[in-house]
N, C-alpha and C. Protein backbone atom coordinates (compact mmCIF):
# COMPACT_ATOMS: atom_id res chain seq x y z
N MET A 1 1.42 -113.77 183.30
CA MET A 1 -0.19 -113.89 182.86
C MET A 1 -0.89 -114.00 183.72
N ARG A 2 -0.53 -114.70 184.98
CA ARG A 2 -1.25 -114.87 186.18
C ARG A 2 -1.78 -113.72 186.37
N TRP A 3 -1.25 -112.66 186.47
CA TRP A 3 -1.93 -110.97 187.17
C TRP A 3 -2.94 -110.93 186.35
N LEU A 4 -2.80 -111.27 184.75
CA LEU A 4 -3.75 -110.71 184.01
C LEU A 4 -5.25 -111.37 184.29
N LYS A 5 -5.26 -112.74 184.46
CA LYS A 5 -6.47 -113.70 184.92
C LYS A 5 -6.65 -112.96 186.20
N LEU A 6 -5.98 -112.89 187.30
CA LEU A 6 -6.66 -112.27 188.49
C LEU A 6 -6.97 -110.73 187.98
N PHE A 7 -6.62 -110.01 187.29
CA PHE A 7 -7.19 -108.64 187.17
C PHE A 7 -8.52 -108.86 186.77
N ALA A 8 -8.76 -109.46 185.48
CA ALA A 8 -9.84 -110.05 185.07
C ALA A 8 -10.77 -110.62 186.02
N THR A 9 -10.47 -111.70 186.71
CA THR A 9 -11.29 -112.18 187.99
C THR A 9 -11.87 -110.78 188.80
N LEU A 10 -10.96 -109.87 189.19
CA LEU A 10 -11.49 -108.82 190.01
C LEU A 10 -12.53 -107.91 189.61
N LEU A 11 -12.05 -107.64 188.13
CA LEU A 11 -13.02 -106.70 187.46
C LEU A 11 -14.51 -107.31 187.18
N SER A 12 -14.53 -108.51 186.93
CA SER A 12 -15.72 -109.28 186.69
C SER A 12 -16.75 -109.51 187.68
N ASN A 13 -16.01 -109.46 189.10
CA ASN A 13 -16.91 -109.71 190.00
C ASN A 13 -17.67 -108.61 190.70
N ALA A 14 -18.22 -108.02 189.74
CA ALA A 14 -19.06 -106.89 190.49
C ALA A 14 -20.00 -107.04 191.40
N ALA A 15 -20.35 -108.37 192.04
CA ALA A 15 -21.54 -108.37 192.93
C ALA A 15 -20.26 -108.11 194.30
N LEU A 16 -19.68 -108.29 194.50
CA LEU A 16 -18.60 -107.83 195.63
C LEU A 16 -18.59 -106.20 195.69
N ALA A 17 -18.58 -105.68 194.38
CA ALA A 17 -18.10 -104.21 194.62
C ALA A 17 -19.23 -103.32 194.78
N THR A 18 -20.62 -103.92 194.62
CA THR A 18 -21.78 -103.15 194.94
C THR A 18 -22.13 -103.08 196.22
N ALA A 19 -21.14 -103.77 197.16
CA ALA A 19 -21.57 -103.44 198.77
C ALA A 19 -21.11 -101.88 198.81
N GLN A 20 -21.86 -101.21 200.01
CA GLN A 20 -21.85 -99.76 200.09
C GLN A 20 -21.75 -99.97 201.77
N CYS A 21 -21.49 -98.89 202.32
CA CYS A 21 -21.12 -98.80 203.83
C CYS A 21 -22.39 -98.70 204.37
N ALA A 22 -22.62 -98.84 205.57
CA ALA A 22 -24.17 -99.04 206.46
C ALA A 22 -24.58 -97.61 206.45
N MET A 23 -24.30 -96.86 206.52
CA MET A 23 -24.77 -95.36 206.30
C MET A 23 -25.13 -94.91 205.55
N CYS A 24 -24.38 -95.02 204.42
CA CYS A 24 -24.97 -94.91 202.84
C CYS A 24 -26.29 -95.66 202.50
N LYS A 25 -26.04 -96.80 202.40
CA LYS A 25 -27.05 -97.74 202.21
C LYS A 25 -28.54 -97.70 202.94
N ALA A 26 -28.25 -97.15 204.31
CA ALA A 26 -29.59 -96.92 205.12
C ALA A 26 -30.20 -95.43 204.48
N ASN A 27 -29.65 -94.38 204.23
CA ASN A 27 -29.87 -93.08 203.40
C ASN A 27 -30.38 -93.58 202.27
N VAL A 28 -29.94 -94.36 201.40
CA VAL A 28 -30.46 -94.34 199.95
C VAL A 28 -31.63 -95.11 200.28
N ILE A 29 -31.89 -96.44 201.34
CA ILE A 29 -33.21 -97.13 201.25
C ILE A 29 -34.15 -95.97 201.65
N ALA A 30 -33.82 -95.40 202.58
CA ALA A 30 -34.71 -94.28 203.53
C ALA A 30 -35.54 -92.97 202.60
N SER A 31 -34.62 -92.70 201.04
CA SER A 31 -34.90 -91.93 200.40
C SER A 31 -35.70 -92.56 198.92
N GLY A 32 -35.82 -93.60 199.23
CA GLY A 32 -36.49 -94.56 197.86
C GLY A 32 -36.45 -94.08 196.52
N ASP A 33 -35.26 -93.31 196.53
CA ASP A 33 -34.88 -93.02 195.06
C ASP A 33 -33.96 -94.02 194.46
N THR A 34 -34.43 -94.92 193.56
CA THR A 34 -33.51 -96.08 193.03
C THR A 34 -32.56 -95.36 192.12
N SER A 35 -32.45 -94.35 191.19
CA SER A 35 -31.54 -93.97 190.59
C SER A 35 -30.27 -93.46 191.35
N LEU A 36 -30.51 -93.10 192.77
CA LEU A 36 -29.34 -92.46 193.34
C LEU A 36 -28.89 -93.74 193.61
N ALA A 37 -29.39 -94.91 194.48
CA ALA A 37 -28.72 -96.44 194.44
C ALA A 37 -27.96 -96.76 193.52
N ASN A 38 -28.49 -96.59 192.32
CA ASN A 38 -27.77 -97.17 191.02
C ASN A 38 -26.63 -96.15 190.94
N GLY A 39 -26.67 -94.85 190.95
CA GLY A 39 -25.48 -93.79 190.86
C GLY A 39 -24.51 -94.22 191.68
N LEU A 40 -24.81 -94.51 192.68
CA LEU A 40 -23.99 -94.73 193.91
C LEU A 40 -23.20 -95.97 193.60
N ARG A 41 -23.58 -96.88 193.54
CA ARG A 41 -23.08 -98.07 192.77
C ARG A 41 -22.09 -98.17 192.04
N MET A 42 -22.49 -97.32 190.95
CA MET A 42 -21.62 -97.30 189.59
C MET A 42 -20.22 -96.37 190.01
N GLY A 43 -20.62 -95.32 191.28
CA GLY A 43 -19.36 -94.63 191.34
C GLY A 43 -18.44 -95.37 192.06
N ILE A 44 -18.87 -96.27 193.12
CA ILE A 44 -17.90 -97.63 193.70
C ILE A 44 -17.04 -98.31 192.97
N LEU A 45 -18.21 -98.67 191.44
CA LEU A 45 -17.24 -99.51 190.57
C LEU A 45 -16.01 -98.78 190.13
N LEU A 46 -16.82 -97.27 189.83
CA LEU A 46 -15.69 -96.36 189.03
C LEU A 46 -14.07 -96.33 189.97
N LEU A 47 -14.39 -95.69 191.05
CA LEU A 47 -13.73 -95.97 191.98
C LEU A 47 -12.54 -97.12 192.22
N MET A 48 -13.19 -98.28 192.35
CA MET A 48 -12.89 -99.43 192.51
C MET A 48 -11.72 -99.64 191.03
N ALA A 49 -12.08 -99.20 189.97
CA ALA A 49 -11.62 -100.04 188.74
C ALA A 49 -10.17 -98.90 188.39
N MET A 50 -10.32 -97.64 188.73
CA MET A 50 -9.55 -96.96 188.47
C MET A 50 -7.55 -97.16 188.83
N PRO A 51 -7.82 -97.49 189.98
CA PRO A 51 -6.42 -97.94 190.25
C PRO A 51 -5.81 -99.36 189.71
N TYR A 52 -6.52 -100.29 189.29
CA TYR A 52 -6.43 -101.39 188.61
C TYR A 52 -6.16 -100.71 187.25
N LEU A 53 -6.91 -100.04 186.34
CA LEU A 53 -6.59 -99.54 185.02
C LEU A 53 -5.18 -98.80 185.33
N ILE A 54 -4.92 -97.93 186.00
CA ILE A 54 -3.73 -97.04 185.78
C ILE A 54 -2.57 -98.17 186.26
N VAL A 55 -2.49 -99.05 187.32
CA VAL A 55 -1.40 -99.88 187.45
C VAL A 55 -1.55 -101.00 186.13
N GLY A 56 -2.40 -101.35 185.73
CA GLY A 56 -2.49 -102.20 184.47
C GLY A 56 -1.86 -101.71 183.42
N THR A 57 -2.17 -100.38 183.03
CA THR A 57 -1.51 -99.41 181.90
C THR A 57 0.07 -99.39 182.51
N ILE A 58 0.59 -98.89 183.27
CA ILE A 58 1.81 -99.00 183.46
C ILE A 58 2.53 -100.31 183.49
N ALA A 59 2.04 -101.20 183.99
CA ALA A 59 2.47 -102.77 183.89
C ALA A 59 2.75 -103.17 182.67
N PHE A 60 1.66 -102.79 181.44
CA PHE A 60 1.76 -103.08 180.26
C PHE A 60 2.80 -102.43 179.33
N ALA A 61 2.74 -101.25 179.99
CA ALA A 61 4.08 -99.92 179.19
C ALA A 61 5.57 -100.76 179.65
N VAL A 62 5.58 -101.29 180.74
CA VAL A 62 7.16 -101.76 180.89
C VAL A 62 7.09 -103.44 180.39
N TYR A 63 6.00 -104.00 180.25
CA TYR A 63 6.08 -105.10 179.49
C TYR A 63 6.72 -104.98 178.02
N LEU A 64 5.73 -103.85 177.12
CA LEU A 64 6.26 -103.75 176.15
C LEU A 64 7.51 -103.30 176.01
N TYR A 65 8.14 -102.32 176.76
CA TYR A 65 9.41 -101.70 176.71
C TYR A 65 10.25 -103.05 176.90
N HIS A 66 9.91 -103.76 177.95
CA HIS A 66 11.00 -105.02 178.03
C HIS A 66 11.13 -105.80 176.74
N ARG A 67 9.91 -106.29 176.13
CA ARG A 67 10.11 -106.76 175.09
C ARG A 67 10.79 -106.68 173.91
N ARG A 68 10.65 -105.10 173.71
CA ARG A 68 11.33 -104.45 173.01
C ARG A 68 12.91 -104.27 172.88
N SER A 69 13.42 -104.25 174.33
CA SER A 69 14.64 -104.14 174.50
C SER A 69 15.42 -105.67 174.15
N LEU A 70 14.60 -107.04 174.89
CA LEU A 70 15.20 -107.85 173.98
C LEU A 70 15.35 -108.18 172.74
N ARG A 71 14.45 -107.55 171.97
CA ARG A 71 14.08 -108.03 170.46
C ARG A 71 15.39 -107.17 169.85
N ILE A 72 15.76 -106.08 170.44
CA ILE A 72 16.76 -105.27 169.87
C ILE A 72 17.76 -106.01 170.34
N LYS A 73 17.84 -106.62 171.67
CA LYS A 73 19.29 -107.15 171.80
C LYS A 73 19.50 -108.28 171.05
N MET A 74 18.57 -109.25 170.57
CA MET A 74 18.62 -110.32 169.65
C MET A 74 18.89 -109.75 168.07
N GLU A 75 18.55 -109.08 167.86
CA GLU A 75 19.09 -108.48 166.43
C GLU A 75 20.19 -108.32 166.35
N ASN A 76 20.96 -107.58 167.58
CA ASN A 76 22.62 -107.35 167.30
C ASN A 76 23.05 -108.70 167.42
């Protein structure tokens, strides 16, 4: 259950995820295009969230498999 709380905390803390490398940030500021900056931030969030979603899905599937096998052992 602790890993679920940690996972939720990491995903909910979007302020840390909106950071950009200095070169990218300088180029976006120089262009003056706010939609480009928003797109760059959303891309960073997407790239950050995907590994967590994949690992979380696999961990949830393993948890369900383990729980199902325990239930079958208890019934026999």
